């Protein structure tokens, strides 16, 4: 976060869903300095995570894990609501 000009103590990681990707919906992960009205706020290991109200409906029960294994390094979304996911794991459908 600090490399991108954000403060891990005061700023947020925003997780969301947007249209697109090979399965219809894709995950959106970025840093944000402000919380918006209706955002859900979570904290894990000192990191504040915010999700907008619309995306929250798609993400209920989802876990976000960091994988540094042989298949590459990055975040993995484990979404129990997804009926189909693409091979790269970056998009899904319900």
N, C-alpha and C. Protein backbone atom coordinates (compact mmCIF):
# COMPACT_ATOMS: atom_id res chain seq x y z
N UNK A 1 0.83 -1.20 0.00
CA UNK A 1 0.00 0.00 0.00
C UNK A 1 0.86 1.25 0.00
N UNK A 2 1.91 1.22 0.81
CA UNK A 2 2.76 2.41 0.92
C UNK A 2 3.44 2.74 -0.41
N UNK A 3 3.78 1.72 -1.21
CA UNK A 3 4.40 1.97 -2.52
C UNK A 3 3.46 2.72 -3.45
N UNK A 4 2.15 2.58 -3.24
CA UNK A 4 1.16 3.26 -4.07
C UNK A 4 0.63 4.54 -3.43
N UNK A 5 1.25 5.00 -2.34
CA UNK A 5 0.85 6.25 -1.71
C UNK A 5 -0.28 6.12 -0.71
N UNK A 6 -0.53 4.92 -0.21
CA UNK A 6 -1.59 4.70 0.77
C UNK A 6 -1.00 4.33 2.11
N UNK A 7 -1.74 4.62 3.17
CA UNK A 7 -1.32 4.33 4.53
C UNK A 7 -2.12 3.14 5.04
N UNK A 8 -1.46 2.05 5.38
CA UNK A 8 -2.14 0.83 5.82
C UNK A 8 -2.90 1.03 7.12
N UNK A 9 -2.57 2.05 7.90
CA UNK A 9 -3.26 2.30 9.16
C UNK A 9 -4.58 3.04 8.95
N UNK A 10 -4.61 3.97 8.00
CA UNK A 10 -5.80 4.81 7.82
C UNK A 10 -6.59 4.52 6.55
N UNK A 11 -5.97 3.89 5.55
CA UNK A 11 -6.65 3.66 4.28
C UNK A 11 -7.19 2.23 4.18
N UNK A 12 -7.84 1.92 3.08
CA UNK A 12 -8.60 0.67 2.95
C UNK A 12 -8.18 -0.12 1.72
N UNK A 13 -8.52 -1.40 1.75
CA UNK A 13 -8.50 -2.24 0.57
C UNK A 13 -9.97 -2.39 0.17
N UNK A 14 -10.29 -1.97 -1.04
CA UNK A 14 -11.68 -2.06 -1.52
C UNK A 14 -11.82 -3.30 -2.39
N UNK A 15 -12.78 -4.14 -2.03
CA UNK A 15 -13.08 -5.35 -2.77
C UNK A 15 -14.46 -5.18 -3.38
N UNK A 16 -14.60 -5.47 -4.66
CA UNK A 16 -15.89 -5.29 -5.32
C UNK A 16 -16.08 -6.26 -6.47
N UNK A 17 -17.22 -6.11 -7.11
CA UNK A 17 -17.60 -6.92 -8.27
C UNK A 17 -18.01 -5.96 -9.37
N UNK A 18 -17.59 -6.26 -10.60
CA UNK A 18 -17.98 -5.44 -11.74
C UNK A 18 -18.32 -6.36 -12.91
N UNK A 19 -19.05 -5.84 -13.87
CA UNK A 19 -19.39 -6.60 -15.06
C UNK A 19 -18.14 -6.81 -15.89
N UNK A 20 -18.03 -8.01 -16.47
CA UNK A 20 -16.90 -8.30 -17.33
C UNK A 20 -16.29 -9.64 -17.01
N UNK A 21 -15.27 -9.97 -17.73
CA UNK A 21 -14.61 -11.25 -17.55
C UNK A 21 -15.29 -12.33 -18.37
N UNK A 22 -14.64 -13.44 -18.51
CA UNK A 22 -15.16 -14.51 -19.37
C UNK A 22 -16.36 -15.23 -18.78
N UNK A 23 -16.64 -15.03 -17.49
CA UNK A 23 -17.81 -15.68 -16.88
C UNK A 23 -18.94 -14.71 -16.56
N UNK A 24 -18.77 -13.42 -16.88
CA UNK A 24 -19.85 -12.46 -16.70
C UNK A 24 -19.60 -11.40 -15.64
N UNK A 25 -19.01 -11.78 -14.52
CA UNK A 25 -18.67 -10.84 -13.45
C UNK A 25 -17.21 -11.03 -13.09
N UNK A 26 -16.54 -9.95 -12.70
CA UNK A 26 -15.15 -10.08 -12.30
C UNK A 26 -14.93 -9.37 -10.97
N UNK A 27 -13.93 -9.82 -10.27
CA UNK A 27 -13.57 -9.23 -8.98
C UNK A 27 -12.75 -7.98 -9.21
N UNK A 28 -12.92 -7.01 -8.33
CA UNK A 28 -12.18 -5.76 -8.41
C UNK A 28 -11.52 -5.53 -7.06
N UNK A 29 -10.23 -5.36 -7.06
CA UNK A 29 -9.45 -5.20 -5.83
C UNK A 29 -8.55 -3.98 -6.00
N UNK A 30 -8.71 -2.98 -5.13
CA UNK A 30 -7.90 -1.77 -5.24
C UNK A 30 -7.81 -1.10 -3.87
N UNK A 31 -6.94 -0.11 -3.76
CA UNK A 31 -6.81 0.67 -2.53
C UNK A 31 -7.74 1.87 -2.60
N UNK A 32 -8.17 2.34 -1.42
CA UNK A 32 -9.07 3.50 -1.37
C UNK A 32 -8.78 4.28 -0.09
N UNK A 33 -8.85 5.59 -0.19
CA UNK A 33 -8.61 6.44 0.97
C UNK A 33 -9.89 6.78 1.74
N UNK A 34 -11.05 6.54 1.14
CA UNK A 34 -12.31 6.97 1.76
C UNK A 34 -13.35 5.86 1.74
N UNK A 35 -14.11 5.85 2.77
CA UNK A 35 -15.25 4.95 2.88
C UNK A 35 -16.49 5.68 2.36
N UNK A 36 -17.34 4.99 1.59
CA UNK A 36 -18.54 5.58 1.04
C UNK A 36 -19.76 5.16 1.85
N UNK A 37 -20.83 5.93 1.75
CA UNK A 37 -22.06 5.59 2.44
C UNK A 37 -22.55 4.22 1.97
N UNK A 38 -22.90 3.37 2.89
CA UNK A 38 -23.40 2.03 2.58
C UNK A 38 -22.32 0.97 2.51
N UNK A 39 -21.03 1.36 2.58
CA UNK A 39 -19.95 0.38 2.56
C UNK A 39 -19.98 -0.48 3.81
N UNK A 40 -19.67 -1.74 3.64
CA UNK A 40 -19.47 -2.66 4.76
C UNK A 40 -17.98 -2.64 5.06
N UNK A 41 -17.62 -2.58 6.34
CA UNK A 41 -16.21 -2.50 6.73
C UNK A 41 -15.84 -3.74 7.54
N UNK A 42 -14.72 -4.33 7.17
CA UNK A 42 -14.18 -5.50 7.87
C UNK A 42 -12.73 -5.22 8.19
N UNK A 43 -12.20 -5.91 9.18
CA UNK A 43 -10.77 -5.78 9.48
C UNK A 43 -10.20 -7.15 9.77
N UNK A 44 -9.04 -7.42 9.18
CA UNK A 44 -8.36 -8.69 9.39
C UNK A 44 -6.87 -8.44 9.40
N UNK A 45 -6.22 -8.88 10.44
CA UNK A 45 -4.76 -8.70 10.59
C UNK A 45 -4.34 -7.25 10.43
N UNK A 46 -5.16 -6.32 10.93
CA UNK A 46 -4.84 -4.91 10.88
C UNK A 46 -5.13 -4.24 9.55
N UNK A 47 -5.68 -4.97 8.59
CA UNK A 47 -6.01 -4.40 7.28
C UNK A 47 -7.51 -4.14 7.23
N UNK A 48 -7.88 -2.90 6.89
CA UNK A 48 -9.29 -2.53 6.78
C UNK A 48 -9.77 -2.78 5.36
N UNK A 49 -10.84 -3.56 5.25
CA UNK A 49 -11.39 -3.95 3.96
C UNK A 49 -12.79 -3.36 3.84
N UNK A 50 -13.10 -2.73 2.70
CA UNK A 50 -14.44 -2.19 2.49
C UNK A 50 -15.04 -2.80 1.23
N UNK A 51 -16.36 -3.01 1.31
CA UNK A 51 -17.12 -3.58 0.20
C UNK A 51 -18.38 -2.75 0.02
N UNK A 52 -18.66 -2.31 -1.21
CA UNK A 52 -19.88 -1.55 -1.45
C UNK A 52 -21.09 -2.47 -1.31
N UNK A 53 -22.26 -1.86 -1.08
CA UNK A 53 -23.48 -2.60 -0.79
C UNK A 53 -23.86 -3.59 -1.90
N UNK A 54 -23.75 -3.18 -3.16
CA UNK A 54 -24.12 -4.05 -4.28
C UNK A 54 -23.18 -5.25 -4.37
N UNK A 55 -21.88 -5.00 -4.29
CA UNK A 55 -20.91 -6.08 -4.37
C UNK A 55 -21.03 -7.05 -3.21
N UNK A 56 -21.38 -6.53 -2.04
CA UNK A 56 -21.51 -7.36 -0.85
C UNK A 56 -22.47 -8.52 -1.08
N UNK A 57 -23.56 -8.27 -1.82
CA UNK A 57 -24.54 -9.32 -2.09
C UNK A 57 -23.93 -10.49 -2.87
N UNK A 58 -22.98 -10.19 -3.76
CA UNK A 58 -22.31 -11.23 -4.54
C UNK A 58 -21.20 -11.92 -3.76
N UNK A 59 -20.69 -11.25 -2.74
CA UNK A 59 -19.49 -11.72 -2.04
C UNK A 59 -19.75 -12.34 -0.67
N UNK A 60 -21.01 -12.42 -0.24
CA UNK A 60 -21.31 -12.98 1.08
C UNK A 60 -20.69 -14.37 1.20
N UNK A 61 -19.90 -14.57 2.24
CA UNK A 61 -19.26 -15.85 2.49
C UNK A 61 -17.95 -16.06 1.77
N UNK A 62 -17.53 -15.11 0.95
CA UNK A 62 -16.30 -15.25 0.18
C UNK A 62 -15.09 -15.06 1.07
N UNK A 63 -14.07 -15.87 0.86
CA UNK A 63 -12.79 -15.68 1.53
C UNK A 63 -11.77 -15.24 0.49
N UNK A 64 -10.91 -14.37 0.91
CA UNK A 64 -9.84 -13.85 0.04
C UNK A 64 -8.53 -14.32 0.64
N UNK A 65 -7.80 -15.11 -0.11
CA UNK A 65 -6.55 -15.67 0.37
C UNK A 65 -5.41 -15.28 -0.55
N UNK A 66 -4.23 -15.18 0.03
CA UNK A 66 -3.04 -14.89 -0.77
C UNK A 66 -2.32 -16.20 -1.05
N UNK A 67 -2.04 -16.46 -2.31
CA UNK A 67 -1.38 -17.69 -2.71
C UNK A 67 -0.03 -17.37 -3.31
N UNK A 68 0.98 -18.01 -2.81
CA UNK A 68 2.31 -17.83 -3.35
C UNK A 68 2.86 -19.14 -3.88
N UNK A 69 1.98 -20.03 -4.30
CA UNK A 69 2.37 -21.37 -4.72
C UNK A 69 2.93 -21.45 -6.12
N UNK A 70 3.03 -22.67 -6.62
CA UNK A 70 3.62 -22.93 -7.92
C UNK A 70 2.82 -22.35 -9.07
N UNK A 71 1.51 -22.17 -8.89
CA UNK A 71 0.65 -21.64 -9.94
C UNK A 71 0.72 -20.13 -10.06
N UNK A 72 1.58 -19.51 -9.31
CA UNK A 72 1.70 -18.06 -9.38
C UNK A 72 1.39 -17.42 -8.05
N UNK A 73 1.71 -16.16 -7.95
CA UNK A 73 1.50 -15.41 -6.73
C UNK A 73 0.36 -14.44 -6.93
N UNK A 74 -0.53 -14.38 -5.94
CA UNK A 74 -1.62 -13.42 -6.03
C UNK A 74 -2.76 -13.78 -5.11
N UNK A 75 -3.82 -13.01 -5.19
CA UNK A 75 -4.99 -13.23 -4.36
C UNK A 75 -5.95 -14.21 -5.03
N UNK A 76 -6.55 -15.05 -4.22
CA UNK A 76 -7.50 -16.04 -4.69
C UNK A 76 -8.83 -15.81 -3.99
N UNK A 77 -9.90 -15.65 -4.78
CA UNK A 77 -11.25 -15.49 -4.23
C UNK A 77 -11.92 -16.85 -4.17
N UNK A 78 -12.36 -17.26 -2.98
CA UNK A 78 -13.12 -18.50 -2.81
C UNK A 78 -14.56 -18.09 -2.51
N UNK A 79 -15.38 -18.06 -3.58
CA UNK A 79 -16.75 -17.55 -3.48
C UNK A 79 -17.74 -18.71 -3.54
N UNK A 80 -18.42 -19.00 -2.41
CA UNK A 80 -19.38 -20.10 -2.39
C UNK A 80 -20.64 -19.82 -3.21
N UNK A 81 -20.85 -18.57 -3.61
CA UNK A 81 -22.04 -18.19 -4.38
C UNK A 81 -21.85 -18.39 -5.88
N UNK A 82 -20.62 -18.58 -6.32
CA UNK A 82 -20.33 -18.70 -7.75
C UNK A 82 -20.75 -20.07 -8.27
N UNK A 83 -21.56 -20.08 -9.32
CA UNK A 83 -21.96 -21.34 -9.93
C UNK A 83 -20.96 -21.77 -10.99
N UNK A 84 -20.21 -20.79 -11.53
CA UNK A 84 -19.20 -21.08 -12.55
C UNK A 84 -18.08 -20.07 -12.41
N UNK A 85 -16.86 -20.52 -12.54
CA UNK A 85 -15.71 -19.62 -12.52
C UNK A 85 -14.86 -19.89 -13.75
N UNK A 86 -14.06 -18.92 -14.14
CA UNK A 86 -13.18 -19.12 -15.27
C UNK A 86 -11.90 -19.82 -14.79
N UNK A 87 -11.09 -20.24 -15.71
CA UNK A 87 -9.87 -20.95 -15.38
C UNK A 87 -8.89 -20.13 -14.58
N UNK A 88 -8.86 -18.83 -14.79
CA UNK A 88 -7.91 -17.98 -14.08
C UNK A 88 -8.43 -17.58 -12.70
N UNK A 89 -9.71 -17.80 -12.42
CA UNK A 89 -10.28 -17.47 -11.11
C UNK A 89 -10.59 -16.01 -10.91
N UNK A 90 -10.50 -15.21 -11.96
CA UNK A 90 -10.74 -13.78 -11.82
C UNK A 90 -12.17 -13.37 -12.17
N UNK A 91 -12.96 -14.29 -12.72
CA UNK A 91 -14.35 -13.96 -13.02
C UNK A 91 -15.24 -15.13 -12.67
N UNK A 92 -16.55 -14.82 -12.54
CA UNK A 92 -17.50 -15.83 -12.09
C UNK A 92 -18.90 -15.48 -12.55
N UNK A 93 -19.81 -16.42 -12.39
CA UNK A 93 -21.23 -16.15 -12.62
C UNK A 93 -22.00 -16.82 -11.51
N UNK A 94 -23.25 -16.36 -11.34
CA UNK A 94 -24.10 -16.91 -10.27
C UNK A 94 -25.13 -17.84 -10.84
